Amino acid sequence: MRSVFFDPGQMTARLELEAPEDAPDGQGGATVTFAAVASVWARIEPLAEIREERAGADVFTLTHRIWLRFRTDIKAGMRLRKGDRLFAIGTCRDPDETGRYLCCLCEEEGR
């Protein structure tokens, strides 16, 4: 497999990695909250804006490719935060299987 060339100097966004936690709601169910796991440097690449109509209203989905240093604890269902912006992690992969970087495909959650 060919090595991916990536300039780590392009990782200029400071993001908080957050993992979901279930908190009992006192009625037999649970409320999902997110707790910070780590701060990471990343590069955010906007990919697409998808417009859909749901129940007569326009709904926009923004997708991004987010590059970070390789970590073994990142998985789908976690999210990244930059201030008020939230990026739900859909998939993560090591683009050249060298253990240097992760490329996460994310959807920006509504603001």
PDB file of N, CA and C in Angstrom:
ATOM      1  N   MET A   1       0.843  -1.179   0.000  1.00  0.00           N
ATOM      2  CA  MET A   1       0.000   0.000   0.000  1.00  0.00           C
ATOM      3  C   MET A   1       0.885   1.237   0.000  1.00  0.00           C
ATOM      4  N   ARG A   2       0.484   2.221  -0.764  1.00  0.00           N
ATOM      5  CA  ARG A   2       1.236   3.455  -0.878  1.00  0.00           C
ATOM      6  C   ARG A   2       1.031   4.331   0.349  1.00  0.00           C
ATOM      7  N   SER A   3       2.096   4.960   0.812  1.00  0.00           N
ATOM      8  CA  SER A   3       2.031   5.840   1.976  1.00  0.00           C
ATOM      9  C   SER A   3       1.331   7.149   1.614  1.00  0.00           C
ATOM     10  N   VAL A   4       0.510   7.641   2.538  1.00  0.00           N
ATOM     11  CA  VAL A   4      -0.208   8.889   2.343  1.00  0.00           C
ATOM     12  C   VAL A   4       0.687  10.045   2.742  1.00  0.00           C
ATOM     13  N   PHE A   5       0.840  11.042   1.856  1.00  0.00           N
ATOM     14  CA  PHE A   5       1.590  12.231   2.238  1.00  0.00           C
ATOM     15  C   PHE A   5       0.629  13.213   2.869  1.00  0.00           C
ATOM     16  N   PHE A   6       0.959  13.607   4.069  1.00  0.00           N
ATOM     17  CA  PHE A   6       0.109  14.532   4.804  1.00  0.00           C
ATOM     18  C   PHE A   6       1.015  15.420   5.641  1.00  0.00           C
ATOM     19  N   ASP A   7       0.849  16.712   5.532  1.00  0.00           N
ATOM     20  CA  ASP A   7       1.654  17.663   6.296  1.00  0.00           C
ATOM     21  C   ASP A   7       1.022  17.858   7.667  1.00  0.00           C
ATOM     22  N   PRO A   8       1.642  17.377   8.754  1.00  0.00           N
ATOM     23  CA  PRO A   8       1.048  17.539  10.080  1.00  0.00           C
ATOM     24  C   PRO A   8       0.939  18.998  10.514  1.00  0.00           C
ATOM     25  N   GLY A   9       1.623  19.903   9.833  1.00  0.00           N
ATOM     26  CA  GLY A   9       1.502  21.328  10.122  1.00  0.00           C
ATOM     27  C   GLY A   9       0.124  21.877   9.765  1.00  0.00           C
ATOM     28  N   GLN A  10      -0.656  21.103   9.005  1.00  0.00           N
ATOM     29  CA  GLN A  10      -2.014  21.516   8.647  1.00  0.00           C
ATOM     30  C   GLN A  10      -3.019  21.201   9.746  1.00  0.00           C
ATOM     31  N   MET A  11      -2.573  20.523  10.811  1.00  0.00           N
ATOM     32  CA  MET A  11      -3.462  20.219  11.934  1.00  0.00           C
ATOM     33  C   MET A  11      -3.505  21.437  12.852  1.00  0.00           C
ATOM     34  N   THR A  12      -4.366  22.386  12.504  1.00  0.00           N
ATOM     35  CA  THR A  12      -4.409  23.656  13.229  1.00  0.00           C
ATOM     36  C   THR A  12      -5.657  23.828  14.086  1.00  0.00           C
ATOM     37  N   ALA A  13      -6.573  22.875  14.038  1.00  0.00           N
ATOM     38  CA  ALA A  13      -7.801  22.958  14.831  1.00  0.00           C
ATOM     39  C   ALA A  13      -7.622  22.160  16.119  1.00  0.00           C
ATOM     40  N   ARG A  14      -7.899  22.784  17.249  1.00  0.00           N
ATOM     41  CA  ARG A  14      -7.839  22.093  18.542  1.00  0.00           C
ATOM     42  C   ARG A  14      -9.240  21.588  18.856  1.00  0.00           C
ATOM     43  N   LEU A  15      -9.396  20.264  18.936  1.00  0.00           N
ATOM     44  CA  LEU A  15     -10.689  19.643  19.163  1.00  0.00           C
ATOM     45  C   LEU A  15     -10.687  18.840  20.452  1.00  0.00           C
ATOM     46  N   GLU A  16     -11.873  18.714  21.036  1.00  0.00           N
ATOM     47  CA  GLU A  16     -12.063  17.850  22.201  1.00  0.00           C
ATOM     48  C   GLU A  16     -12.707  16.553  21.716  1.00  0.00           C
ATOM     49  N   LEU A  17     -12.099  15.435  22.050  1.00  0.00           N
ATOM     50  CA  LEU A  17     -12.668  14.132  21.748  1.00  0.00           C
ATOM     51  C   LEU A  17     -13.602  13.768  22.899  1.00  0.00           C
ATOM     52  N   GLU A  18     -14.843  13.403  22.569  1.00  0.00           N
ATOM     53  CA  GLU A  18     -15.842  13.090  23.590  1.00  0.00           C
ATOM     54  C   GLU A  18     -16.429  11.703  23.350  1.00  0.00           C
ATOM     55  N   ALA A  19     -16.638  10.967  24.455  1.00  0.00           N
ATOM     56  CA  ALA A  19     -17.214   9.627  24.385  1.00  0.00           C
ATOM     57  C   ALA A  19     -18.598   9.638  25.040  1.00  0.00           C
ATOM     58  N   PRO A  20     -19.533   8.848  24.492  1.00  0.00           N
ATOM     59  CA  PRO A  20     -20.880   8.804  25.082  1.00  0.00           C
ATOM     60  C   PRO A  20     -20.875   8.032  26.399  1.00  0.00           C
ATOM     61  N   GLU A  21     -21.709   8.495  27.332  1.00  0.00           N
ATOM     62  CA  GLU A  21     -21.906   7.814  28.608  1.00  0.00           C
ATOM     63  C   GLU A  21     -23.395   7.768  28.890  1.00  0.00           C
ATOM     64  N   ASP A  22     -23.865   6.622  29.340  1.00  0.00           N
ATOM     65  CA  ASP A  22     -25.271   6.484  29.712  1.00  0.00           C
ATOM     66  C   ASP A  22     -25.436   6.858  31.176  1.00  0.00           C
ATOM     67  N   ALA A  23     -26.354   7.771  31.450  1.00  0.00           N
ATOM     68  CA  ALA A  23     -26.671   8.165  32.824  1.00  0.00           C
ATOM     69  C   ALA A  23     -28.106   7.745  33.114  1.00  0.00           C
ATOM     70  N   PRO A  24     -28.332   6.985  34.193  1.00  0.00           N
ATOM     71  CA  PRO A  24     -29.700   6.571  34.523  1.00  0.00           C
ATOM     72  C   PRO A  24     -30.606   7.791  34.705  1.00  0.00           C
ATOM     73  N   ASP A  25     -31.836   7.686  34.179  1.00  0.00           N
ATOM     74  CA  ASP A  25     -32.759   8.815  34.287  1.00  0.00           C
ATOM     75  C   ASP A  25     -33.734   8.670  35.454  1.00  0.00           C
ATOM     76  N   GLY A  26     -33.577   7.613  36.255  1.00  0.00           N
ATOM     77  CA  GLY A  26     -34.421   7.418  37.417  1.00  0.00           C
ATOM     78  C   GLY A  26     -35.744   6.750  37.113  1.00  0.00           C
ATOM     79  N   GLN A  27     -36.005   6.463  35.845  1.00  0.00           N
ATOM     80  CA  GLN A  27     -37.265   5.824  35.467  1.00  0.00           C
ATOM     81  C   GLN A  27     -37.016   4.537  34.692  1.00  0.00           C
ATOM     82  N   GLY A  28     -35.841   3.963  34.860  1.00  0.00           N
ATOM     83  CA  GLY A  28     -35.504   2.714  34.192  1.00  0.00           C
ATOM     84  C   GLY A  28     -34.842   2.885  32.849  1.00  0.00           C
ATOM     85  N   GLY A  29     -34.731   4.101  32.394  1.00  0.00           N
ATOM     86  CA  GLY A  29     -34.081   4.378  31.112  1.00  0.00           C
ATOM     87  C   GLY A  29     -32.730   5.034  31.334  1.00  0.00           C
ATOM     88  N   ALA A  30     -32.206   5.594  30.301  1.00  0.00           N
ATOM     89  CA  ALA A  30     -30.907   6.258  30.390  1.00  0.00           C
ATOM     90  C   ALA A  30     -30.887   7.478  29.483  1.00  0.00           C
ATOM     91  N   THR A  31     -30.093   8.447  29.881  1.00  0.00           N
ATOM     92  CA  THR A  31     -29.858   9.641  29.089  1.00  0.00           C
ATOM     93  C   THR A  31     -28.404   9.596  28.630  1.00  0.00           C
ATOM     94  N   VAL A  32     -28.189   9.818  27.360  1.00  0.00           N
ATOM     95  CA  VAL A  32     -26.822   9.802  26.837  1.00  0.00           C
ATOM     96  C   VAL A  32     -26.211  11.186  27.014  1.00  0.00           C
ATOM     97  N   THR A  33     -25.066  11.223  27.679  1.00  0.00           N
ATOM     98  CA  THR A  33     -24.285  12.445  27.808  1.00  0.00           C
ATOM     99  C   THR A  33     -22.905  12.161  27.233  1.00  0.00           C
ATOM    100  N   PHE A  34     -22.139  13.199  27.008  1.00  0.00           N
ATOM    101  CA  PHE A  34     -20.795  13.018  26.470  1.00  0.00           C
ATOM    102  C   PHE A  34     -19.780  13.584  27.443  1.00  0.00           C
ATOM    103  N   ALA A  35     -18.691  12.842  27.630  1.00  0.00           N
ATOM    104  CA  ALA A  35     -17.616  13.260  28.522  1.00  0.00           C
ATOM    105  C   ALA A  35     -16.334  13.414  27.708  1.00  0.00           C
ATOM    106  N   ALA A  36     -15.568  14.448  28.024  1.00  0.00           N
ATOM    107  CA  ALA A  36     -14.306  14.697  27.316  1.00  0.00           C
ATOM    108  C   ALA A  36     -13.305  13.584  27.630  1.00  0.00           C
ATOM    109  N   VAL A  37     -12.626  13.115  26.583  1.00  0.00           N
ATOM    110  CA  VAL A  37     -11.622  12.061  26.716  1.00  0.00           C
ATOM    111  C   VAL A  37     -10.228  12.641  26.538  1.00  0.00           C
ATOM    112  N   ALA A  38     -10.074  13.524  25.547  1.00  0.00           N
ATOM    113  CA  ALA A  38      -8.755  14.075  25.240  1.00  0.00           C
ATOM    114  C   ALA A  38      -8.895  15.317  24.368  1.00  0.00           C
ATOM    115  N   SER A  39      -7.846  16.116  24.335  1.00  0.00           N
ATOM    116  CA  SER A  39      -7.735  17.234  23.393  1.00  0.00           C
ATOM    117  C   SER A  39      -6.784  16.795  22.293  1.00  0.00           C
ATOM    118  N   VAL A  40      -7.158  17.051  21.056  1.00  0.00           N
ATOM    119  CA  VAL A  40      -6.346  16.620  19.917  1.00  0.00           C
ATOM    120  C   VAL A  40      -6.217  17.755  18.903  1.00  0.00           C
ATOM    121  N   TRP A  41      -5.105  17.754  18.173  1.00  0.00           N
ATOM    122  CA  TRP A  41      -4.934  18.660  17.041  1.00  0.00           C
ATOM    123  C   TRP A  41      -5.447  17.948  15.814  1.00  0.00           C
ATOM    124  N   ALA A  42      -6.121  18.674  14.938  1.00  0.00           N
ATOM    125  CA  ALA A  42      -6.741  18.052  13.771  1.00  0.00           C
ATOM    126  C   ALA A  42      -6.792  19.010  12.591  1.00  0.00           C
ATOM    127  N   ARG A  43      -7.053  18.430  11.440  1.00  0.00           N
ATOM    128  CA  ARG A  43      -7.337  19.196  10.228  1.00  0.00           C
ATOM    129  C   ARG A  43      -8.763  18.877   9.822  1.00  0.00           C
ATOM    130  N   ILE A  44      -9.574  19.909   9.639  1.00  0.00           N
ATOM    131  CA  ILE A  44     -10.974  19.732   9.261  1.00  0.00           C
ATOM    132  C   ILE A  44     -11.126  20.096   7.789  1.00  0.00           C
ATOM    133  N   GLU A  45     -11.597  19.147   6.991  1.00  0.00           N
ATOM    134  CA  GLU A  45     -11.852  19.377   5.564  1.00  0.00           C
ATOM    135  C   GLU A  45     -13.352  19.255   5.299  1.00  0.00           C
ATOM    136  N   PRO A  46     -14.025  20.346   4.962  1.00  0.00           N
ATOM    137  CA  PRO A  46     -15.442  20.233   4.581  1.00  0.00           C
ATOM    138  C   PRO A  46     -15.558  19.405   3.298  1.00  0.00           C
ATOM    139  N   LEU A  47     -16.537  18.514   3.251  1.00  0.00           N
ATOM    140  CA  LEU A  47     -16.724  17.669   2.072  1.00  0.00           C
ATOM    141  C   LEU A  47     -17.975  18.024   1.283  1.00  0.00           C
ATOM    142  N   ALA A  48     -19.116  18.021   1.960  1.00  0.00           N
ATOM    143  CA  ALA A  48     -20.368  18.209   1.214  1.00  0.00           C
ATOM    144  C   ALA A  48     -21.440  18.817   2.098  1.00  0.00           C
ATOM    145  N   GLU A  49     -22.390  19.428   1.415  1.00  0.00           N
ATOM    146  CA  GLU A  49     -23.601  19.927   2.056  1.00  0.00           C
ATOM    147  C   GLU A  49     -24.754  19.240   1.347  1.00  0.00           C
ATOM    148  N   ILE A  50     -25.522  18.476   2.111  1.00  0.00           N
ATOM    149  CA  ILE A  50     -26.621  17.716   1.534  1.00  0.00           C
ATOM    150  C   ILE A  50     -27.933  18.329   2.006  1.00  0.00           C
ATOM    151  N   ARG A  51     -28.785  18.661   1.050  1.00  0.00           N
ATOM    152  CA  ARG A  51     -30.089  19.258   1.371  1.00  0.00           C
ATOM    153  C   ARG A  51     -31.159  18.213   1.153  1.00  0.00           C
ATOM    154  N   GLU A  52     -31.998  18.024   2.175  1.00  0.00           N
ATOM    155  CA  GLU A  52     -33.113  17.100   2.081  1.00  0.00           C
ATOM    156  C   GLU A  52     -34.365  17.814   2.561  1.00  0.00           C
ATOM    157  N   GLU A  53     -35.493  17.335   2.096  1.00  0.00           N
ATOM    158  CA  GLU A  53     -36.757  17.867   2.587  1.00  0.00           C
ATOM    159  C   GLU A  53     -37.396  16.818   3.477  1.00  0.00           C
ATOM    160  N   ARG A  54     -37.671  17.199   4.708  1.00  0.00           N
ATOM    161  CA  ARG A  54     -38.329  16.301   5.661  1.00  0.00           C
ATOM    162  C   ARG A  54     -39.503  17.045   6.276  1.00  0.00           C
ATOM    163  N   ALA A  55     -40.653  16.451   6.173  1.00  0.00           N
ATOM    164  CA  ALA A  55     -41.877  17.035   6.735  1.00  0.00           C
ATOM    165  C   ALA A  55     -42.076  18.473   6.271  1.00  0.00           C
ATOM    166  N   GLY A  56     -41.760  18.732   5.015  1.00  0.00           N
ATOM    167  CA  GLY A  56     -41.978  20.052   4.441  1.00  0.00           C
ATOM    168  C   GLY A  56     -40.928  21.083   4.790  1.00  0.00           C
ATOM    169  N   ALA A  57     -39.874  20.684   5.495  1.00  0.00           N
ATOM    170  CA  ALA A  57     -38.816  21.635   5.865  1.00  0.00           C
ATOM    171  C   ALA A  57     -37.491  21.188   5.257  1.00  0.00           C
ATOM    172  N   ASP A  58     -36.658  22.158   4.922  1.00  0.00           N
ATOM    173  CA  ASP A  58     -35.329  21.841   4.413  1.00  0.00           C
ATOM    174  C   ASP A  58     -34.419  21.474   5.574  1.00  0.00           C
ATOM    175  N   VAL A  59     -33.706  20.350   5.425  1.00  0.00           N
ATOM    176  CA  VAL A  59     -32.747  19.891   6.425  1.00  0.00           C
ATOM    177  C   VAL A  59     -31.403  19.779   5.727  1.00  0.00           C
ATOM    178  N   PHE A  60     -30.384  20.399   6.309  1.00  0.00           N
ATOM    179  CA  PHE A  60     -29.047  20.381   5.724  1.00  0.00           C
ATOM    180  C   PHE A  60     -28.120  19.519   6.569  1.00  0.00           C
ATOM    181  N   THR A  61     -27.334  18.689   5.910  1.00  0.00           N
ATOM    182  CA  THR A  61     -26.329  17.872   6.576  1.00  0.00           C
ATOM    183  C   THR A  61     -24.970  18.270   6.020  1.00  0.00           C
ATOM    184  N   LEU A  62     -24.056  18.643   6.897  1.00  0.00           N
ATOM    185  CA  LEU A  62     -22.700  19.008   6.496  1.00  0.00           C
ATOM    186  C   LEU A  62     -21.773  17.857   6.854  1.00  0.00           C
ATOM    187  N   THR A  63     -20.987  17.405   5.882  1.00  0.00           N
ATOM    188  CA  THR A  63     -20.040  16.324   6.142  1.00  0.00           C
ATOM    189  C   THR A  63     -18.615  16.856   6.069  1.00  0.00           C
ATOM    190  N   HIS A  64     -17.752  16.241   6.861  1.00  0.00           N
ATOM    191  CA  HIS A  64     -16.357  16.667   6.948  1.00  0.00           C
ATOM    192  C   HIS A  64     -15.449  15.450   7.023  1.00  0.00           C
ATOM    193  N   ARG A  65     -14.233  15.630   6.552  1.00  0.00           N
ATOM    194  CA  ARG A  65     -13.159  14.658   6.760  1.00  0.00           C
ATOM    195  C   ARG A  65     -12.241  15.305   7.789  1.00  0.00           C
ATOM    196  N   ILE A  66     -12.020  14.631   8.906  1.00  0.00           N
ATOM    197  CA  ILE A  66     -11.175  15.176   9.965  1.00  0.00           C
ATOM    198  C   ILE A  66      -9.980  14.253  10.168  1.00  0.00           C
ATOM    199  N   TRP A  67      -8.787  14.832  10.000  1.00  0.00           N
ATOM    200  CA  TRP A  67      -7.530  14.104  10.155  1.00  0.00           C
ATOM    201  C   TRP A  67      -6.964  14.343  11.543  1.00  0.00           C
ATOM    202  N   LEU A  68      -6.533  13.272  12.203  1.00  0.00           N
ATOM    203  CA  LEU A  68      -5.878  13.373  13.508  1.00  0.00           C
ATOM    204  C   LEU A  68      -4.707  12.408  13.571  1.00  0.00           C
ATOM    205  N   ARG A  69      -3.896  12.574  14.610  1.00  0.00           N
ATOM    206  CA  ARG A  69      -2.847  11.589  14.862  1.00  0.00           C
ATOM    207  C   ARG A  69      -3.512  10.280  15.259  1.00  0.00           C
ATOM    208  N   PHE A  70      -2.861   9.171  14.950  1.00  0.00           N
ATOM    209  CA  PHE A  70      -3.416   7.850  15.201  1.00  0.00           C
ATOM    210  C   PHE A  70      -3.683   7.624  16.684  1.00  0.00           C
ATOM    211  N   ARG A  71      -4.844   7.092  16.985  1.00  0.00           N
ATOM    212  CA  ARG A  71      -5.243   6.696  18.342  1.00  0.00           C
ATOM    213  C   ARG A  71      -6.014   5.389  18.220  1.00  0.00           C
ATOM    214  N   THR A  72      -5.914   4.557  19.235  1.00  0.00           N
ATOM    215  CA  THR A  72      -6.638   3.282  19.193  1.00  0.00           C
ATOM    216  C   THR A  72      -8.000   3.361  19.858  1.00  0.00           C
ATOM    217  N   ASP A  73      -8.299   4.465  20.542  1.00  0.00           N
ATOM    218  CA  ASP A  73      -9.543   4.546  21.310  1.00  0.00           C
ATOM    219  C   ASP A  73     -10.668   5.296  20.610  1.00  0.00           C
ATOM    220  N   ILE A  74     -10.519   5.634  19.355  1.00  0.00           N
ATOM    221  CA  ILE A  74     -11.576   6.359  18.638  1.00  0.00           C
ATOM    222  C   ILE A  74     -12.433   5.366  17.863  1.00  0.00           C
ATOM    223  N   LYS A  75     -13.762   5.538  17.985  1.00  0.00           N
ATOM    224  CA  LYS A  75     -14.683   4.658  17.258  1.00  0.00           C
ATOM    225  C   LYS A  75     -15.954   5.426  16.904  1.00  0.00           C
ATOM    226  N   ALA A  76     -16.744   4.831  16.036  1.00  0.00           N
ATOM    227  CA  ALA A  76     -18.015   5.433  15.641  1.00  0.00           C
ATOM    228  C   ALA A  76     -18.886   5.623  16.878  1.00  0.00           C
ATOM    229  N   GLY A  77     -19.634   6.714  16.888  1.00  0.00           N
ATOM    230  CA  GLY A  77     -20.485   7.028  18.021  1.00  0.00           C
ATOM    231  C   GLY A  77     -19.889   8.073  18.945  1.00  0.00           C
ATOM    232  N   MET A  78     -18.579   8.261  18.844  1.00  0.00           N
ATOM    233  CA  MET A  78     -17.933   9.326  19.604  1.00  0.00           C
ATOM    234  C   MET A  78     -18.122  10.622  18.831  1.00  0.00           C
ATOM    235  N   ARG A  79     -17.674  11.721  19.391  1.00  0.00           N
ATOM    236  CA  ARG A  79     -17.775  12.975  18.661  1.00  0.00           C
ATOM    237  C   ARG A  79     -16.587  13.867  18.990  1.00  0.00           C
ATOM    238  N   LEU A  80     -16.398  14.843  18.111  1.00  0.00           N
ATOM    239  CA  LEU A  80     -15.361  15.859  18.284  1.00  0.00           C
ATOM    240  C   LEU A  80     -16.048  17.203  18.451  1.00  0.00           C
ATOM    241  N   ARG A  81     -15.487  18.046  19.305  1.00  0.00           N
ATOM    242  CA  ARG A  81     -16.074  19.358  19.584  1.00  0.00           C
ATOM    243  C   ARG A  81     -15.030  20.440  19.322  1.00  0.00           C
ATOM    244  N   LYS A  82     -15.478  21.488  18.622  1.00  0.00           N
ATOM    245  CA  LYS A  82     -14.667  22.694  18.442  1.00  0.00           C
ATOM    246  C   LYS A  82     -15.554  23.859  18.854  1.00  0.00           C
ATOM    247  N   GLY A  83     -15.407  24.286  20.108  1.00  0.00           N
ATOM    248  CA  GLY A  83     -16.277  25.334  20.628  1.00  0.00           C
ATOM    249  C   GLY A  83     -17.704  24.836  20.661  1.00  0.00           C
ATOM    250  N   ASP A  84     -18.606  25.524  19.944  1.00  0.00           N
ATOM    251  CA  ASP A  84     -20.012  25.124  19.877  1.00  0.00           C
ATOM    252  C   ASP A  84     -20.290  24.130  18.756  1.00  0.00           C
ATOM    253  N   ARG A  85     -19.319  23.882  17.907  1.00  0.00           N
ATOM    254  CA  ARG A  85     -19.514  22.959  16.790  1.00  0.00           C
ATOM    255  C   ARG A  85     -19.287  21.525  17.238  1.00  0.00           C
ATOM    256  N   LEU A  86     -20.178  20.616  16.818  1.00  0.00           N
ATOM    257  CA  LEU A  86     -20.080  19.202  17.166  1.00  0.00           C
ATOM    258  C   LEU A  86     -19.995  18.378  15.895  1.00  0.00           C
ATOM    259  N   PHE A  87     -19.059  17.436  15.871  1.00  0.00           N
ATOM    260  CA  PHE A  87     -18.851  16.561  14.724  1.00  0.00           C
ATOM    261  C   PHE A  87     -19.042  15.120  15.175  1.00  0.00           C
ATOM    262  N   ALA A  88     -20.120  14.475  14.733  1.00  0.00           N
ATOM    263  CA  ALA A  88     -20.393  13.077  15.073  1.00  0.00           C
ATOM    264  C   ALA A  88     -19.524  12.183  14.188  1.00  0.00           C
ATOM    265  N   ILE A  89     -18.781  11.291  14.812  1.00  0.00           N
ATOM    266  CA  ILE A  89     -17.886  10.403  14.071  1.00  0.00           C
ATOM    267  C   ILE A  89     -18.676   9.229  13.518  1.00  0.00           C
ATOM    268  N   GLY A  90     -18.639   9.085  12.201  1.00  0.00           N
ATOM    269  CA  GLY A  90     -19.306   7.970  11.534  1.00  0.00           C
ATOM    270  C   GLY A  90     -18.368   6.795  11.345  1.00  0.00           C
ATOM    271  N   THR A  91     -17.221   7.053  10.736  1.00  0.00           N
ATOM    272  CA  THR A  91     -16.207   6.013  10.539  1.00  0.00           C
ATOM    273  C   THR A  91     -14.826   6.624  10.732  1.00  0.00           C
ATOM    274  N   CYS A  92     -13.888   5.766  11.090  1.00  0.00           N
ATOM    275  CA  CYS A  92     -12.475   6.163  11.193  1.00  0.00           C
ATOM    276  C   CYS A  92     -11.646   5.092  10.519  1.00  0.00           C
ATOM    277  N   ARG A  93     -10.594   5.525   9.853  1.00  0.00           N
ATOM    278  CA  ARG A  93      -9.707   4.540   9.227  1.00  0.00           C
ATOM    279  C   ARG A  93      -8.288   5.074   9.199  1.00  0.00           C
ATOM    280  N   ASP A  94      -7.351   4.168   9.169  1.00  0.00           N
ATOM    281  CA  ASP A  94      -5.940   4.489   8.992  1.00  0.00           C
ATOM    282  C   ASP A  94      -5.709   4.451   7.479  1.00  0.00           C
ATOM    283  N   PRO A  95      -5.543   5.613   6.822  1.00  0.00           N
ATOM    284  CA  PRO A  95      -5.563   5.636   5.352  1.00  0.00           C
ATOM    285  C   PRO A  95      -4.473   4.821   4.678  1.00  0.00           C
ATOM    286  N   ASP A  96      -3.317   4.657   5.298  1.00  0.00           N
ATOM    287  CA  ASP A  96      -2.270   3.859   4.667  1.00  0.00           C
ATOM    288  C   ASP A  96      -1.763   2.735   5.565  1.00  0.00           C
ATOM    289  N   GLU A  97      -2.472   2.477   6.650  1.00  0.00           N
ATOM    290  CA  GLU A  97      -2.178   1.394   7.583  1.00  0.00           C
ATOM    291  C   GLU A  97      -0.759   1.454   8.141  1.00  0.00           C
ATOM    292  N   THR A  98      -0.289   2.677   8.420  1.00  0.00           N
ATOM    293  CA  THR A  98       1.045   2.834   9.005  1.00  0.00           C
ATOM    294  C   THR A  98       0.979   3.230  10.475  1.00  0.00           C
ATOM    295  N   GLY A  99      -0.209   3.496  10.987  1.00  0.00           N
ATOM    296  CA  GLY A  99      -0.341   3.889  12.382  1.00  0.00           C
ATOM    297  C   GLY A  99       0.095   5.318  12.653  1.00  0.00           C
ATOM    298  N   ARG A 100       0.070   6.173  11.615  1.00  0.00           N
ATOM    299  CA  ARG A 100       0.461   7.577  11.799  1.00  0.00           C
ATOM    300  C   ARG A 100      -0.735   8.497  11.952  1.00  0.00           C
ATOM    301  N   TYR A 101      -1.760   8.302  11.122  1.00  0.00           N
ATOM    302  CA  TYR A 101      -2.905   9.202  11.108  1.00  0.00           C
ATOM    303  C   TYR A 101      -4.215   8.419  11.088  1.00  0.00           C
ATOM    304  N   LEU A 102      -5.281   9.106  11.485  1.00  0.00           N
ATOM    305  CA  LEU A 102      -6.636   8.601  11.333  1.00  0.00           C
ATOM    306  C   LEU A 102      -7.400   9.599  10.483  1.00  0.00           C
ATOM    307  N   CYS A 103      -8.233   9.099   9.636  1.00  0.00           N
ATOM    308  CA  CYS A 103      -9.112   9.920   8.822  1.00  0.00           C
ATOM    309  C   CYS A 103     -10.533   9.565   9.239  1.00  0.00           C
ATOM    310  N   CYS A 104     -11.228  10.513   9.852  1.00  0.00           N
ATOM    311  CA  CYS A 104     -12.587  10.281  10.341  1.00  0.00           C
ATOM    312  C   CYS A 104     -13.591  10.987   9.440  1.00  0.00           C
ATOM    313  N   LEU A 105     -14.621  10.274   9.032  1.00  0.00           N
ATOM    314  CA  LEU A 105     -15.714  10.887   8.290  1.00  0.00           C
ATOM    315  C   LEU A 105     -16.781  11.256   9.304  1.00  0.00           C
ATOM    316  N   CYS A 106     -17.139  12.542   9.338  1.00  0.00           N
ATOM    317  CA  CYS A 106     -18.026  13.070  10.368  1.00  0.00           C
ATOM    318  C   CYS A 106     -19.152  13.880   9.762  1.00  0.00           C
ATOM    319  N   GLU A 107     -20.249  13.950  10.501  1.00  0.00           N
ATOM    320  CA  GLU A 107     -21.359  14.859  10.170  1.00  0.00           C
ATOM    321  C   GLU A 107     -21.416  15.928  11.247  1.00  0.00           C
ATOM    322  N   GLU A 108     -21.536  17.160  10.807  1.00  0.00           N
ATOM    323  CA  GLU A 108     -21.663  18.251  11.767  1.00  0.00           C
ATOM    324  C   GLU A 108     -23.092  18.281  12.281  1.00  0.00           C
ATOM    325  N   GLU A 109     -23.229  18.240  13.587  1.00  0.00           N
ATOM    326  CA  GLU A 109     -24.544  18.248  14.195  1.00  0.00           C
ATOM    327  C   GLU A 109     -25.096  19.652  14.177  1.00  0.00           C
ATOM    328  N   GLY A 110     -26.418  19.776  14.052  1.00  0.00           N
ATOM    329  CA  GLY A 110     -27.085  21.069  13.941  1.00  0.00           C
ATOM    330  C   GLY A 110     -26.756  22.015  15.072  1.00  0.00           C
ATOM    331  N   ARG A 111     -26.711  23.296  14.700  1.00  0.00           N
ATOM    332  CA  ARG A 111     -26.407  24.319  15.702  1.00  0.00           C
ATOM    333  C   ARG A 111     -27.665  25.038  16.068  1.00  0.00           C
TER     334      ARG A 111
END
